[in-house]
PDB file of N, CA and C in Angstrom:
ATOM      1  N   UNK A   1       0.808  -1.286  -0.469  1.00  0.00           N
ATOM      2  CA  UNK A   1       0.451  -0.182  -0.191  1.00  0.00           C
ATOM      3  C   UNK A   1       0.825   1.639  -0.398  1.00  0.00           C
ATOM      4  N   UNK A   2       2.017   1.496   0.656  1.00  0.00           N
ATOM      5  CA  UNK A   2       2.767   2.497   0.715  1.00  0.00           C
ATOM      6  C   UNK A   2       3.652   3.037  -0.423  1.00  0.00           C
ATOM      7  N   UNK A   3       3.612   1.727  -1.394  1.00  0.00           N
ATOM      8  CA  UNK A   3       4.413   2.083  -2.990  1.00  0.00           C
ATOM      9  C   UNK A   3       3.394   2.735  -3.599  1.00  0.00           C
ATOM     10  N   UNK A   4       2.289   2.739  -3.281  1.00  0.00           N
ATOM     11  CA  UNK A   4       0.985   2.962  -4.091  1.00  0.00           C
ATOM     12  C   UNK A   4       0.861   4.531  -3.919  1.00  0.00           C
ATOM     13  N   UNK A   5       1.424   4.806  -2.677  1.00  0.00           N
ATOM     14  CA  UNK A   5       1.201   6.234  -2.138  1.00  0.00           C
ATOM     15  C   UNK A   5       2.269   7.033  -2.857  1.00  0.00           C
ATOM     16  N   UNK A   6       3.516   6.489  -2.505  1.00  0.00           N
ATOM     17  CA  UNK A   6       4.367   7.101  -3.057  1.00  0.00           C
ATOM     18  C   UNK A   6       4.600   7.042  -4.880  1.00  0.00           C
ATOM     19  N   UNK A   7       3.874   6.205  -5.503  1.00  0.00           N
ATOM     20  CA  UNK A   7       4.504   6.080  -7.142  1.00  0.00           C
ATOM     21  C   UNK A   7       3.122   7.195  -7.724  1.00  0.00           C
ATOM     22  N   UNK A   8       2.933   7.668  -6.866  1.00  0.00           N
ATOM     23  CA  UNK A   8       1.938   8.802  -7.596  1.00  0.00           C
ATOM     24  C   UNK A   8       2.627   9.926  -8.216  1.00  0.00           C
ATOM     25  N   UNK A   9       1.610  11.293  -9.145  1.00  0.00           N
ATOM     26  CA  UNK A   9       2.757  11.866  -9.937  1.00  0.00           C
ATOM     27  C   UNK A   9       2.813  12.677  -9.418  1.00  0.00           C
ATOM     28  N   UNK A  10       3.021  13.183  -7.506  1.00  0.00           N
ATOM     29  CA  UNK A  10       3.451  14.164  -7.091  1.00  0.00           C
ATOM     30  C   UNK A  10       5.299  13.792  -6.724  1.00  0.00           C
ATOM     31  N   UNK A  11       5.011  12.405  -6.902  1.00  0.00           N
ATOM     32  CA  UNK A  11       6.791  11.816  -6.504  1.00  0.00           C
ATOM     33  C   UNK A  11       7.706  12.167  -7.971  1.00  0.00           C
ATOM     34  N   UNK A  12       6.671  11.916  -9.254  1.00  0.00           N
ATOM     35  CA  UNK A  12       7.339  12.261 -10.540  1.00  0.00           C
ATOM     36  C   UNK A  12       7.959  13.757 -10.414  1.00  0.00           C
ATOM     37  N   UNK A  13       7.151  14.596 -10.185  1.00  0.00           N
ATOM     38  CA  UNK A  13       7.259  15.992 -10.029  1.00  0.00           C
ATOM     39  C   UNK A  13       8.335  16.197  -8.879  1.00  0.00           C
ATOM     40  N   UNK A  14       8.489  15.578  -7.801  1.00  0.00           N
ATOM     41  CA  UNK A  14       9.387  15.853  -6.502  1.00  0.00           C
ATOM     42  C   UNK A  14      10.492  15.486  -7.181  1.00  0.00           C
ATOM     43  N   UNK A  15      10.844  14.178  -8.010  1.00  0.00           N
ATOM     44  CA  UNK A  15      12.137  13.679  -8.468  1.00  0.00           C
ATOM     45  C   UNK A  15      12.977  14.758  -9.727  1.00  0.00           C
ATOM     46  N   UNK A  16      11.722  15.209 -10.587  1.00  0.00           N
ATOM     47  CA  UNK A  16      12.180  16.236 -11.979  1.00  0.00           C
ATOM     48  C   UNK A  16      12.324  17.314 -10.901  1.00  0.00           C
ATOM     49  N   UNK A  17      12.071  17.741 -10.281  1.00  0.00           N
ATOM     50  CA  UNK A  17      12.565  19.255  -9.782  1.00  0.00           C
ATOM     51  C   UNK A  17      13.884  18.759  -8.448  1.00  0.00           C
ATOM     52  N   UNK A  18      13.683  18.009  -8.440  1.00  0.00           N
ATOM     53  CA  UNK A  18      15.296  17.521  -7.789  1.00  0.00           C
ATOM     54  C   UNK A  18      16.649  17.393  -8.673  1.00  0.00           C
ATOM     55  N   UNK A  19      15.804  16.742  -9.551  1.00  0.00           N
ATOM     56  CA  UNK A  19      16.994  16.850 -11.191  1.00  0.00           C
ATOM     57  C   UNK A  19      16.932  18.274 -11.506  1.00  0.00           C
ATOM     58  N   UNK A  20      16.595  19.036 -11.994  1.00  0.00           N
ATOM     59  CA  UNK A  20      15.988  20.279 -12.016  1.00  0.00           C
ATOM     60  C   UNK A  20      17.413  21.197 -10.936  1.00  0.00           C
ATOM     61  N   UNK A  21      17.167  21.049  -9.741  1.00  0.00           N
ATOM     62  CA  UNK A  21      17.740  21.790  -8.701  1.00  0.00           C
ATOM     63  C   UNK A  21      18.947  20.897  -8.688  1.00  0.00           C
ATOM     64  N   UNK A  22      19.366  20.164  -9.356  1.00  0.00           N
ATOM     65  CA  UNK A  22      21.198  19.864  -8.944  1.00  0.00           C
ATOM     66  C   UNK A  22      21.196  20.248 -10.514  1.00  0.00           C
ATOM     67  N   UNK A  23      20.801  19.981 -11.799  1.00  0.00           N
ATOM     68  CA  UNK A  23      21.203  20.541 -12.819  1.00  0.00           C
ATOM     69  C   UNK A  23      21.424  22.382 -12.466  1.00  0.00           C
ATOM     70  N   UNK A  24      20.683  23.224 -11.430  1.00  0.00           N
ATOM     71  CA  UNK A  24      20.994  24.487 -11.111  1.00  0.00           C
ATOM     72  C   UNK A  24      21.799  24.338 -10.803  1.00  0.00           C
ATOM     73  N   UNK A  25      22.444  23.817  -9.527  1.00  0.00           N
ATOM     74  CA  UNK A  25      23.523  23.649  -9.294  1.00  0.00           C
ATOM     75  C   UNK A  25      24.835  23.925  -9.661  1.00  0.00           C
ATOM     76  N   UNK A  26      24.703  22.479 -10.793  1.00  0.00           N
ATOM     77  CA  UNK A  26      25.690  22.641 -11.657  1.00  0.00           C
ATOM     78  C   UNK A  26      26.208  23.640 -11.904  1.00  0.00           C
ATOM     79  N   UNK A  27      25.160  24.281 -13.205  1.00  0.00           N
ATOM     80  CA  UNK A  27      25.012  25.526 -13.817  1.00  0.00           C
ATOM     81  C   UNK A  27      25.357  26.643 -13.099  1.00  0.00           C
ATOM     82  N   UNK A  28      25.332  26.635 -11.987  1.00  0.00           N
ATOM     83  CA  UNK A  28      25.440  28.108 -11.291  1.00  0.00           C
ATOM     84  C   UNK A  28      27.536  27.607 -11.158  1.00  0.00           C
ATOM     85  N   UNK A  29      27.916  26.193 -10.317  1.00  0.00           N
ATOM     86  CA  UNK A  29      29.447  25.971 -10.479  1.00  0.00           C
ATOM     87  C   UNK A  29      30.018  26.726 -11.544  1.00  0.00           C
ATOM     88  N   UNK A  30      28.911  25.866 -12.814  1.00  0.00           N
ATOM     89  CA  UNK A  30      30.428  26.133 -14.227  1.00  0.00           C
ATOM     90  C   UNK A  30      30.378  27.688 -14.375  1.00  0.00           C
ATOM     91  N   UNK A  31      29.015  28.601 -14.177  1.00  0.00           N
ATOM     92  CA  UNK A  31      29.611  29.764 -13.887  1.00  0.00           C
ATOM     93  C   UNK A  31      29.778  30.575 -13.141  1.00  0.00           C
ATOM     94  N   UNK A  32      30.254  29.917 -12.208  1.00  0.00           N
ATOM     95  CA  UNK A  32      31.392  30.790 -11.312  1.00  0.00           C
ATOM     96  C   UNK A  32      32.566  30.483 -11.223  1.00  0.00           C
ATOM     97  N   UNK A  33      33.133  29.783 -11.859  1.00  0.00           N
ATOM     98  CA  UNK A  33      33.864  28.708 -12.770  1.00  0.00           C
ATOM     99  C   UNK A  33      34.497  29.834 -13.950  1.00  0.00           C
ATOM    100  N   UNK A  34      33.484  29.906 -14.483  1.00  0.00           N
ATOM    101  CA  UNK A  34      33.985  30.642 -15.676  1.00  0.00           C
ATOM    102  C   UNK A  34      34.023  32.587 -15.373  1.00  0.00           C
ATOM    103  N   UNK A  35      33.672  32.857 -14.728  1.00  0.00           N
ATOM    104  CA  UNK A  35      33.799  34.088 -14.211  1.00  0.00           C
ATOM    105  C   UNK A  35      34.884  34.428 -13.490  1.00  0.00           C
ATOM    106  N   UNK A  36      34.956  33.273 -12.841  1.00  0.00           N
ATOM    107  CA  UNK A  36      36.654  33.009 -11.746  1.00  0.00           C
ATOM    108  C   UNK A  36      38.063  33.217 -13.133  1.00  0.00           C
ATOM    109  N   UNK A  37      37.331  32.218 -13.863  1.00  0.00           N
ATOM    110  CA  UNK A  37      38.548  32.134 -15.279  1.00  0.00           C
ATOM    111  C   UNK A  37      38.562  33.254 -15.772  1.00  0.00           C
ATOM    112  N   UNK A  38      37.797  34.307 -15.944  1.00  0.00           N
ATOM    113  CA  UNK A  38      37.548  35.550 -16.751  1.00  0.00           C
ATOM    114  C   UNK A  38      37.837  36.240 -15.839  1.00  0.00           C
ATOM    115  N   UNK A  39      37.868  36.615 -14.682  1.00  0.00           N
ATOM    116  CA  UNK A  39      38.440  37.585 -13.726  1.00  0.00           C
ATOM    117  C   UNK A  39      40.024  37.163 -13.930  1.00  0.00           C
ATOM    118  N   UNK A  40      40.439  35.947 -13.727  1.00  0.00           N
ATOM    119  CA  UNK A  40      41.689  36.186 -13.753  1.00  0.00           C
ATOM    120  C   UNK A  40      42.471  36.101 -15.067  1.00  0.00           C
ATOM    121  N   UNK A  41      42.077  35.790 -16.194  1.00  0.00           N
ATOM    122  CA  UNK A  41      42.513  36.344 -17.557  1.00  0.00           C
ATOM    123  C   UNK A  41      42.619  38.012 -17.621  1.00  0.00           C
ATOM    124  N   UNK A  42      41.630  38.264 -17.276  1.00  0.00           N
ATOM    125  CA  UNK A  42      41.480  39.849 -17.141  1.00  0.00           C
ATOM    126  C   UNK A  42      42.882  40.435 -16.264  1.00  0.00           C
ATOM    127  N   UNK A  43      43.183  40.356 -15.370  1.00  0.00           N
ATOM    128  CA  UNK A  43      44.248  40.215 -14.061  1.00  0.00           C
ATOM    129  C   UNK A  43      45.473  40.416 -15.357  1.00  0.00           C
ATOM    130  N   UNK A  44      45.537  39.017 -15.494  1.00  0.00           N
ATOM    131  CA  UNK A  44      47.201  38.831 -15.903  1.00  0.00           C
ATOM    132  C   UNK A  44      46.688  39.576 -17.278  1.00  0.00           C
ATOM    133  N   UNK A  45      45.780  39.916 -18.431  1.00  0.00           N
ATOM    134  CA  UNK A  45      46.244  40.968 -19.454  1.00  0.00           C
ATOM    135  C   UNK A  45      46.316  42.094 -19.074  1.00  0.00           C
ATOM    136  N   UNK A  46      45.691  42.460 -17.597  1.00  0.00           N
ATOM    137  CA  UNK A  46      46.337  44.131 -17.388  1.00  0.00           C
ATOM    138  C   UNK A  46      47.860  44.209 -17.033  1.00  0.00           C
ATOM    139  N   UNK A  47      48.270  42.790 -16.853  1.00  0.00           N
ATOM    140  CA  UNK A  47      49.697  42.918 -15.917  1.00  0.00           C
ATOM    141  C   UNK A  47      50.656  42.316 -16.988  1.00  0.00           C
ATOM    142  N   UNK A  48      50.667  41.749 -18.240  1.00  0.00           N
ATOM    143  CA  UNK A  48      50.833  42.170 -19.081  1.00  0.00           C
ATOM    144  C   UNK A  48      51.126  43.464 -19.846  1.00  0.00           C
ATOM    145  N   UNK A  49      50.246  43.720 -19.929  1.00  0.00           N
ATOM    146  CA  UNK A  49      49.949  45.092 -20.753  1.00  0.00           C
ATOM    147  C   UNK A  49      51.073  46.036 -20.073  1.00  0.00           C
ATOM    148  N   UNK A  50      50.854  46.192 -18.869  1.00  0.00           N
ATOM    149  CA  UNK A  50      51.321  47.295 -17.922  1.00  0.00           C
ATOM    150  C   UNK A  50      52.921  46.495 -18.205  1.00  0.00           C
ATOM    151  N   UNK A  51      53.407  45.040 -17.638  1.00  0.00           N
ATOM    152  CA  UNK A  51      54.793  44.898 -18.120  1.00  0.00           C
ATOM    153  C   UNK A  51      55.133  44.977 -19.754  1.00  0.00           C
ATOM    154  N   UNK A  52      54.581  45.268 -20.637  1.00  0.00           N
ATOM    155  CA  UNK A  52      54.786  45.253 -21.838  1.00  0.00           C
ATOM    156  C   UNK A  52      54.675  47.158 -21.974  1.00  0.00           C
ATOM    157  N   UNK A  53      54.601  47.432 -21.619  1.00  0.00           N
ATOM    158  CA  UNK A  53      54.430  49.566 -21.346  1.00  0.00           C
ATOM    159  C   UNK A  53      55.257  49.508 -20.427  1.00  0.00           C
ATOM    160  N   UNK A  54      55.998  49.226 -19.357  1.00  0.00           N
ATOM    161  CA  UNK A  54      57.186  49.508 -18.662  1.00  0.00           C
ATOM    162  C   UNK A  54      58.202  48.892 -19.734  1.00  0.00           C
ATOM    163  N   UNK A  55      58.556  47.849 -20.397  1.00  0.00           N
ATOM    164  CA  UNK A  55      59.549  47.266 -21.581  1.00  0.00           C
ATOM    165  C   UNK A  55      59.800  48.317 -22.078  1.00  0.00           C
ATOM    166  N   UNK A  56      58.580  48.790 -22.547  1.00  0.00           N
ATOM    167  CA  UNK A  56      58.826  50.027 -23.959  1.00  0.00           C
ATOM    168  C   UNK A  56      59.771  51.457 -23.085  1.00  0.00           C
ATOM    169  N   UNK A  57      59.035  52.318 -22.134  1.00  0.00           N
ATOM    170  CA  UNK A  57      58.884  52.637 -21.963  1.00  0.00           C
ATOM    171  C   UNK A  57      60.296  52.526 -21.155  1.00  0.00           C
ATOM    172  N   UNK A  58      61.276  51.413 -20.296  1.00  0.00           N
ATOM    173  CA  UNK A  58      62.636  51.259 -20.368  1.00  0.00           C
ATOM    174  C   UNK A  58      62.959  51.385 -21.325  1.00  0.00           C
ATOM    175  N   UNK A  59      63.004  51.075 -22.668  1.00  0.00           N
ATOM    176  CA  UNK A  59      63.844  50.180 -23.962  1.00  0.00           C
ATOM    177  C   UNK A  59      63.450  52.480 -24.236  1.00  0.00           C
ATOM    178  N   UNK A  60      62.518  52.578 -23.968  1.00  0.00           N
ATOM    179  CA  UNK A  60      62.773  54.148 -25.091  1.00  0.00           C
ATOM    180  C   UNK A  60      63.864  55.238 -23.897  1.00  0.00           C
ATOM    181  N   UNK A  61      63.858  55.111 -22.817  1.00  0.00           N
ATOM    182  CA  UNK A  61      65.023  55.442 -21.730  1.00  0.00           C
ATOM    183  C   UNK A  61      65.998  55.181 -22.164  1.00  0.00           C
ATOM    184  N   UNK A  62      66.382  53.717 -21.967  1.00  0.00           N
ATOM    185  CA  UNK A  62      67.605  53.615 -22.941  1.00  0.00           C
ATOM    186  C   UNK A  62      68.106  54.303 -24.100  1.00  0.00           C
ATOM    187  N   UNK A  63      67.439  54.440 -24.998  1.00  0.00           N
ATOM    188  CA  UNK A  63      67.530  55.178 -25.974  1.00  0.00           C
ATOM    189  C   UNK A  63      68.269  56.178 -26.035  1.00  0.00           C
ATOM    190  N   UNK A  64      67.011  56.964 -24.990  1.00  0.00           N
ATOM    191  CA  UNK A  64      67.579  58.278 -25.378  1.00  0.00           C
ATOM    192  C   UNK A  64      68.610  58.835 -23.998  1.00  0.00           C
ATOM    193  N   UNK A  65      68.932  57.717 -23.348  1.00  0.00           N
ATOM    194  CA  UNK A  65      70.324  57.669 -22.186  1.00  0.00           C
ATOM    195  C   UNK A  65      71.750  57.982 -23.186  1.00  0.00           C
ATOM    196  N   UNK A  66      71.431  56.524 -24.450  1.00  0.00           N
ATOM    197  CA  UNK A  66      72.000  56.338 -25.259  1.00  0.00           C
ATOM    198  C   UNK A  66      72.812  57.203 -25.974  1.00  0.00           C
ATOM    199  N   UNK A  67      71.556  57.978 -26.813  1.00  0.00           N
ATOM    200  CA  UNK A  67      71.690  59.401 -27.718  1.00  0.00           C
ATOM    201  C   UNK A  67      72.086  60.177 -26.710  1.00  0.00           C
ATOM    202  N   UNK A  68      71.514  60.147 -25.140  1.00  0.00           N
ATOM    203  CA  UNK A  68      72.235  61.522 -24.332  1.00  0.00           C
ATOM    204  C   UNK A  68      73.825  61.173 -24.224  1.00  0.00           C
ATOM    205  N   UNK A  69      74.159  60.078 -24.227  1.00  0.00           N
ATOM    206  CA  UNK A  69      75.797  60.036 -24.085  1.00  0.00           C
ATOM    207  C   UNK A  69      76.536  60.268 -25.263  1.00  0.00           C
ATOM    208  N   UNK A  70      76.004  59.957 -26.556  1.00  0.00           N
ATOM    209  CA  UNK A  70      76.782  60.491 -27.731  1.00  0.00           C
ATOM    210  C   UNK A  70      76.384  61.264 -28.341  1.00  0.00           C
ATOM    211  N   UNK A  71      75.693  61.942 -27.807  1.00  0.00           N
ATOM    212  CA  UNK A  71      75.396  63.738 -27.991  1.00  0.00           C
ATOM    213  C   UNK A  71      76.748  64.228 -27.286  1.00  0.00           C
ATOM    214  N   UNK A  72      76.555  63.748 -25.718  1.00  0.00           N
ATOM    215  CA  UNK A  72      77.637  64.309 -25.157  1.00  0.00           C
ATOM    216  C   UNK A  72      79.434  63.950 -25.099  1.00  0.00           C
ATOM    217  N   UNK A  73      79.251  62.965 -26.045  1.00  0.00           N
ATOM    218  CA  UNK A  73      80.823  62.699 -26.307  1.00  0.00           C
ATOM    219  C   UNK A  73      80.479  63.615 -27.642  1.00  0.00           C
ATOM    220  N   UNK A  74      79.926  63.591 -28.803  1.00  0.00           N
ATOM    221  CA  UNK A  74      79.999  64.813 -30.046  1.00  0.00           C
ATOM    222  C   UNK A  74      80.286  65.682 -29.470  1.00  0.00           C
ATOM    223  N   UNK A  75      79.699  66.243 -28.612  1.00  0.00           N
ATOM    224  CA  UNK A  75      79.934  67.968 -28.052  1.00  0.00           C
ATOM    225  C   UNK A  75      81.655  67.692 -27.379  1.00  0.00           C
ATOM    226  N   UNK A  76      81.625  66.982 -26.809  1.00  0.00           N
ATOM    227  CA  UNK A  76      82.896  67.044 -25.892  1.00  0.00           C
ATOM    228  C   UNK A  76      84.505  66.840 -27.321  1.00  0.00           C
ATOM    229  N   UNK A  77      83.931  66.056 -28.448  1.00  0.00           N
ATOM    230  CA  UNK A  77      84.972  66.198 -29.569  1.00  0.00           C
ATOM    231  C   UNK A  77      85.057  67.494 -29.981  1.00  0.00           C
ATOM    232  N   UNK A  78      83.553  67.829 -30.232  1.00  0.00           N
ATOM    233  CA  UNK A  78      83.262  69.052 -31.239  1.00  0.00           C
ATOM    234  C   UNK A  78      84.172  70.235 -30.136  1.00  0.00           C
ATOM    235  N   UNK A  79      83.880  70.538 -28.916  1.00  0.00           N
ATOM    236  CA  UNK A  79      84.578  71.349 -28.263  1.00  0.00           C
ATOM    237  C   UNK A  79      86.266  71.192 -28.573  1.00  0.00           C
ATOM    238  N   UNK A  80      86.097  69.633 -28.343  1.00  0.00           N
ATOM    239  CA  UNK A  80      88.279  69.789 -28.261  1.00  0.00           C
ATOM    240  C   UNK A  80      88.508  70.047 -29.915  1.00  0.00           C
ATOM    241  N   UNK A  81      87.843  69.658 -30.993  1.00  0.00           N
ATOM    242  CA  UNK A  81      88.558  70.513 -32.054  1.00  0.00           C
ATOM    243  C   UNK A  81      88.333  71.932 -32.146  1.00  0.00           C
ATOM    244  N   UNK A  82      87.360  72.500 -31.715  1.00  0.00           N
ATOM    245  CA  UNK A  82      87.048  73.817 -32.178  1.00  0.00           C
ATOM    246  C   UNK A  82      88.789  74.820 -31.028  1.00  0.00           C
ATOM    247  N   UNK A  83      89.095  73.961 -29.832  1.00  0.00           N
ATOM    248  CA  UNK A  83      89.737  74.377 -29.057  1.00  0.00           C
ATOM    249  C   UNK A  83      91.554  74.334 -29.806  1.00  0.00           C
ATOM    250  N   UNK A  84      91.347  73.141 -30.402  1.00  0.00           N
ATOM    251  CA  UNK A  84      92.487  73.012 -31.367  1.00  0.00           C
ATOM    252  C   UNK A  84      92.277  74.140 -32.513  1.00  0.00           C
ATOM    253  N   UNK A  85      91.556  74.028 -33.081  1.00  0.00           N
ATOM    254  CA  UNK A  85      91.524  74.643 -34.374  1.00  0.00           C
ATOM    255  C   UNK A  85      92.236  76.433 -34.016  1.00  0.00           C
ATOM    256  N   UNK A  86      91.474  77.034 -32.941  1.00  0.00           N
ATOM    257  CA  UNK A  86      91.405  77.998 -31.942  1.00  0.00           C
ATOM    258  C   UNK A  86      93.161  78.264 -32.008  1.00  0.00           C
ATOM    259  N   UNK A  87      93.845  77.426 -31.308  1.00  0.00           N
ATOM    260  CA  UNK A  87      95.135  77.065 -30.570  1.00  0.00           C
ATOM    261  C   UNK A  87      96.208  77.206 -31.825  1.00  0.00           C
ATOM    262  N   UNK A  88      95.706  76.729 -33.087  1.00  0.00           N
ATOM    263  CA  UNK A  88      96.626  76.756 -34.229  1.00  0.00           C
ATOM    264  C   UNK A  88      96.718  77.372 -34.804  1.00  0.00           C
TER     265      UNK A  88
END
């Protein structure tokens, strides 16, 4: 007699509802994981952009520094040549 009471249409709905709840939970977990992965990727991308920007800035400053040293050396050479021309 107990089986007849539990085999009714309400039990089918309860089981279907349970399966849907489990599916919702799985989908929520997948969504949470996807959002976490997206945030991690966004953070990594920002880090790489900053790193590339710093590298470009550093390369530019090195190039500027090299040019500055080169210009200073040329200026000193020029002054030396002018000095020798005036004395000579």
